[in-house]
Amino acid sequence: MLALTRKANESIMIGSDIEVTILEIRGEQIKLGISAPKSVPVYRKEVYVQIQDANKEAADQQNPVDALKKLF
């Protein structure tokens, strides 16, 4: 993990097309701005984990034999 120190209105670049800017610092909270291409999904981690869990659950429930039977 790379740890950087940034002040308000300072940015970091991820690759050549993703920019993360510190918008505001208030007590123990910071507000981030993320500029990324529309093809790059950006999620809060807890939302990303929920999506992954839901996808895994859906895949586990799908029986390939039953899915083929439904097609015919």
N, C-alpha and C. Protein backbone atom coordinates (compact mmCIF):
# COMPACT_ATOMS: atom_id res chain seq x y z
N MET A 1 0.85 -1.18 0.00
CA MET A 1 0.00 0.00 0.00
C MET A 1 0.89 1.24 0.00
N LEU A 2 0.54 2.17 -0.83
CA LEU A 2 1.24 3.45 -0.89
C LEU A 2 0.49 4.44 -0.01
N ALA A 3 1.17 5.07 0.93
CA ALA A 3 0.55 6.08 1.79
C ALA A 3 1.13 7.44 1.43
N LEU A 4 0.25 8.39 1.12
CA LEU A 4 0.67 9.72 0.72
C LEU A 4 0.05 10.77 1.64
N THR A 5 0.74 11.87 1.78
CA THR A 5 0.20 13.01 2.51
C THR A 5 -0.24 14.05 1.49
N ARG A 6 -1.47 14.49 1.59
CA ARG A 6 -2.03 15.49 0.69
C ARG A 6 -2.79 16.52 1.52
N LYS A 7 -2.85 17.73 1.03
CA LYS A 7 -3.63 18.79 1.64
C LYS A 7 -4.87 19.03 0.78
N ALA A 8 -5.80 19.82 1.30
CA ALA A 8 -7.01 20.15 0.55
C ALA A 8 -6.62 20.75 -0.80
N ASN A 9 -7.35 20.36 -1.82
CA ASN A 9 -7.16 20.80 -3.21
C ASN A 9 -5.92 20.21 -3.88
N GLU A 10 -5.27 19.25 -3.25
CA GLU A 10 -4.17 18.54 -3.87
C GLU A 10 -4.68 17.20 -4.39
N SER A 11 -4.00 16.66 -5.40
CA SER A 11 -4.47 15.45 -6.07
C SER A 11 -3.37 14.40 -6.16
N ILE A 12 -3.81 13.19 -6.49
CA ILE A 12 -2.90 12.13 -6.91
C ILE A 12 -3.45 11.58 -8.22
N MET A 13 -2.59 11.03 -9.03
CA MET A 13 -2.99 10.43 -10.29
C MET A 13 -2.79 8.92 -10.19
N ILE A 14 -3.76 8.17 -10.70
CA ILE A 14 -3.66 6.71 -10.81
C ILE A 14 -3.66 6.44 -12.30
N GLY A 15 -2.53 5.99 -12.80
CA GLY A 15 -2.38 5.86 -14.24
C GLY A 15 -2.42 7.25 -14.85
N SER A 16 -2.88 7.31 -16.09
CA SER A 16 -2.93 8.62 -16.76
C SER A 16 -4.34 9.19 -16.84
N ASP A 17 -5.34 8.43 -16.33
CA ASP A 17 -6.71 8.91 -16.52
C ASP A 17 -7.59 8.89 -15.28
N ILE A 18 -7.02 8.62 -14.11
CA ILE A 18 -7.80 8.66 -12.86
C ILE A 18 -7.14 9.65 -11.91
N GLU A 19 -7.91 10.64 -11.49
CA GLU A 19 -7.40 11.66 -10.57
C GLU A 19 -8.23 11.64 -9.29
N VAL A 20 -7.56 11.58 -8.16
CA VAL A 20 -8.21 11.63 -6.85
C VAL A 20 -7.79 12.93 -6.19
N THR A 21 -8.78 13.77 -5.86
CA THR A 21 -8.51 15.10 -5.29
C THR A 21 -9.08 15.17 -3.88
N ILE A 22 -8.32 15.74 -2.96
CA ILE A 22 -8.82 16.01 -1.61
C ILE A 22 -9.63 17.30 -1.70
N LEU A 23 -10.93 17.20 -1.52
CA LEU A 23 -11.79 18.37 -1.64
C LEU A 23 -11.91 19.14 -0.34
N GLU A 24 -11.99 18.38 0.76
CA GLU A 24 -12.23 19.04 2.05
C GLU A 24 -11.73 18.15 3.17
N ILE A 25 -11.21 18.76 4.21
CA ILE A 25 -10.80 18.04 5.42
C ILE A 25 -11.54 18.67 6.57
N ARG A 26 -12.32 17.85 7.28
CA ARG A 26 -13.12 18.36 8.40
C ARG A 26 -12.99 17.37 9.55
N GLY A 27 -12.19 17.69 10.55
CA GLY A 27 -11.99 16.79 11.68
C GLY A 27 -11.36 15.48 11.22
N GLU A 28 -12.04 14.37 11.50
CA GLU A 28 -11.54 13.05 11.13
C GLU A 28 -12.05 12.59 9.77
N GLN A 29 -12.77 13.44 9.06
CA GLN A 29 -13.31 13.07 7.76
C GLN A 29 -12.67 13.88 6.65
N ILE A 30 -12.52 13.23 5.51
CA ILE A 30 -12.07 13.93 4.32
C ILE A 30 -13.10 13.71 3.21
N LYS A 31 -13.20 14.65 2.32
CA LYS A 31 -14.08 14.50 1.17
C LYS A 31 -13.19 14.36 -0.06
N LEU A 32 -13.38 13.25 -0.79
CA LEU A 32 -12.59 12.96 -1.98
C LEU A 32 -13.40 13.22 -3.23
N GLY A 33 -12.73 13.69 -4.25
CA GLY A 33 -13.31 13.78 -5.58
C GLY A 33 -12.54 12.85 -6.49
N ILE A 34 -13.24 12.05 -7.28
CA ILE A 34 -12.59 11.08 -8.16
C ILE A 34 -13.03 11.35 -9.59
N SER A 35 -12.06 11.62 -10.44
CA SER A 35 -12.32 11.79 -11.87
C SER A 35 -11.77 10.57 -12.58
N ALA A 36 -12.67 9.83 -13.23
CA ALA A 36 -12.26 8.61 -13.93
C ALA A 36 -13.13 8.45 -15.17
N PRO A 37 -12.63 7.73 -16.17
CA PRO A 37 -13.46 7.46 -17.35
C PRO A 37 -14.73 6.71 -16.97
N LYS A 38 -15.78 6.88 -17.74
CA LYS A 38 -17.05 6.20 -17.45
C LYS A 38 -16.90 4.68 -17.49
N SER A 39 -15.89 4.20 -18.19
CA SER A 39 -15.68 2.75 -18.28
C SER A 39 -15.07 2.16 -17.01
N VAL A 40 -14.65 3.02 -16.07
CA VAL A 40 -14.05 2.56 -14.82
C VAL A 40 -15.07 2.72 -13.71
N PRO A 41 -15.60 1.62 -13.17
CA PRO A 41 -16.57 1.75 -12.09
C PRO A 41 -15.88 2.20 -10.80
N VAL A 42 -16.53 3.08 -10.06
CA VAL A 42 -16.00 3.58 -8.79
C VAL A 42 -17.08 3.35 -7.74
N TYR A 43 -16.74 2.56 -6.70
CA TYR A 43 -17.69 2.23 -5.64
C TYR A 43 -17.05 2.47 -4.28
N ARG A 44 -17.86 2.77 -3.27
CA ARG A 44 -17.38 2.67 -1.90
C ARG A 44 -17.14 1.19 -1.63
N LYS A 45 -16.16 0.87 -0.80
CA LYS A 45 -15.79 -0.54 -0.61
C LYS A 45 -16.96 -1.37 -0.09
N GLU A 46 -17.74 -0.84 0.84
CA GLU A 46 -18.84 -1.64 1.40
C GLU A 46 -19.88 -1.96 0.33
N VAL A 47 -20.10 -1.06 -0.61
CA VAL A 47 -21.03 -1.32 -1.72
C VAL A 47 -20.43 -2.36 -2.66
N TYR A 48 -19.14 -2.24 -2.95
CA TYR A 48 -18.45 -3.20 -3.82
C TYR A 48 -18.53 -4.61 -3.24
N VAL A 49 -18.32 -4.74 -1.94
CA VAL A 49 -18.39 -6.05 -1.28
C VAL A 49 -19.80 -6.62 -1.39
N GLN A 50 -20.82 -5.79 -1.20
CA GLN A 50 -22.21 -6.25 -1.32
C GLN A 50 -22.49 -6.74 -2.74
N ILE A 51 -22.02 -6.03 -3.74
CA ILE A 51 -22.21 -6.45 -5.13
C ILE A 51 -21.53 -7.79 -5.38
N GLN A 52 -20.30 -7.94 -4.90
CA GLN A 52 -19.57 -9.19 -5.09
C GLN A 52 -20.29 -10.35 -4.40
N ASP A 53 -20.77 -10.12 -3.17
CA ASP A 53 -21.50 -11.16 -2.44
C ASP A 53 -22.78 -11.56 -3.17
N ALA A 54 -23.52 -10.57 -3.67
CA ALA A 54 -24.76 -10.86 -4.39
C ALA A 54 -24.47 -11.64 -5.67
N ASN A 55 -23.40 -11.27 -6.38
CA ASN A 55 -23.03 -12.00 -7.60
C ASN A 55 -22.64 -13.44 -7.29
N LYS A 56 -21.90 -13.62 -6.21
CA LYS A 56 -21.47 -14.97 -5.83
C LYS A 56 -22.69 -15.82 -5.44
N GLU A 57 -23.60 -15.22 -4.68
CA GLU A 57 -24.80 -15.94 -4.26
C GLU A 57 -25.65 -16.34 -5.47
N ALA A 58 -25.80 -15.43 -6.42
CA ALA A 58 -26.57 -15.73 -7.62
C ALA A 58 -25.91 -16.84 -8.43
N ALA A 59 -24.59 -16.82 -8.51
CA ALA A 59 -23.87 -17.86 -9.26
C ALA A 59 -23.99 -19.21 -8.56
N ASP A 60 -23.97 -19.20 -7.23
CA ASP A 60 -24.08 -20.45 -6.47
C ASP A 60 -25.47 -21.07 -6.60
N GLN A 61 -26.49 -20.23 -6.72
CA GLN A 61 -27.86 -20.72 -6.81
C GLN A 61 -28.18 -21.25 -8.20
N GLN A 62 -27.44 -20.84 -9.18
CA GLN A 62 -27.71 -21.25 -10.56
C GLN A 62 -27.12 -22.63 -10.81
N ASN A 63 -27.98 -23.61 -10.98
CA ASN A 63 -27.56 -24.96 -11.30
C ASN A 63 -27.47 -25.05 -12.83
N PRO A 64 -26.28 -25.35 -13.39
CA PRO A 64 -26.14 -25.36 -14.85
C PRO A 64 -27.09 -26.33 -15.56
N VAL A 65 -27.37 -27.48 -14.96
CA VAL A 65 -28.27 -28.46 -15.59
C VAL A 65 -29.68 -27.89 -15.65
N ASP A 66 -30.14 -27.29 -14.56
CA ASP A 66 -31.47 -26.69 -14.54
C ASP A 66 -31.57 -25.54 -15.53
N ALA A 67 -30.50 -24.76 -15.64
CA ALA A 67 -30.50 -23.64 -16.58
C ALA A 67 -30.63 -24.15 -18.01
N LEU A 68 -29.95 -25.25 -18.34
CA LEU A 68 -30.05 -25.82 -19.68
C LEU A 68 -31.44 -26.37 -19.95
N LYS A 69 -32.05 -27.00 -18.95
CA LYS A 69 -33.40 -27.54 -19.10
C LYS A 69 -34.39 -26.41 -19.38
N LYS A 70 -34.19 -25.26 -18.75
CA LYS A 70 -35.09 -24.12 -18.96
C LYS A 70 -34.97 -23.59 -20.38
N LEU A 71 -33.80 -23.73 -20.97
CA LEU A 71 -33.61 -23.26 -22.35
C LEU A 71 -34.37 -24.10 -23.35
N PHE A 72 -34.55 -25.38 -23.04
CA PHE A 72 -35.21 -26.29 -23.98
C PHE A 72 -36.60 -26.50 -23.52
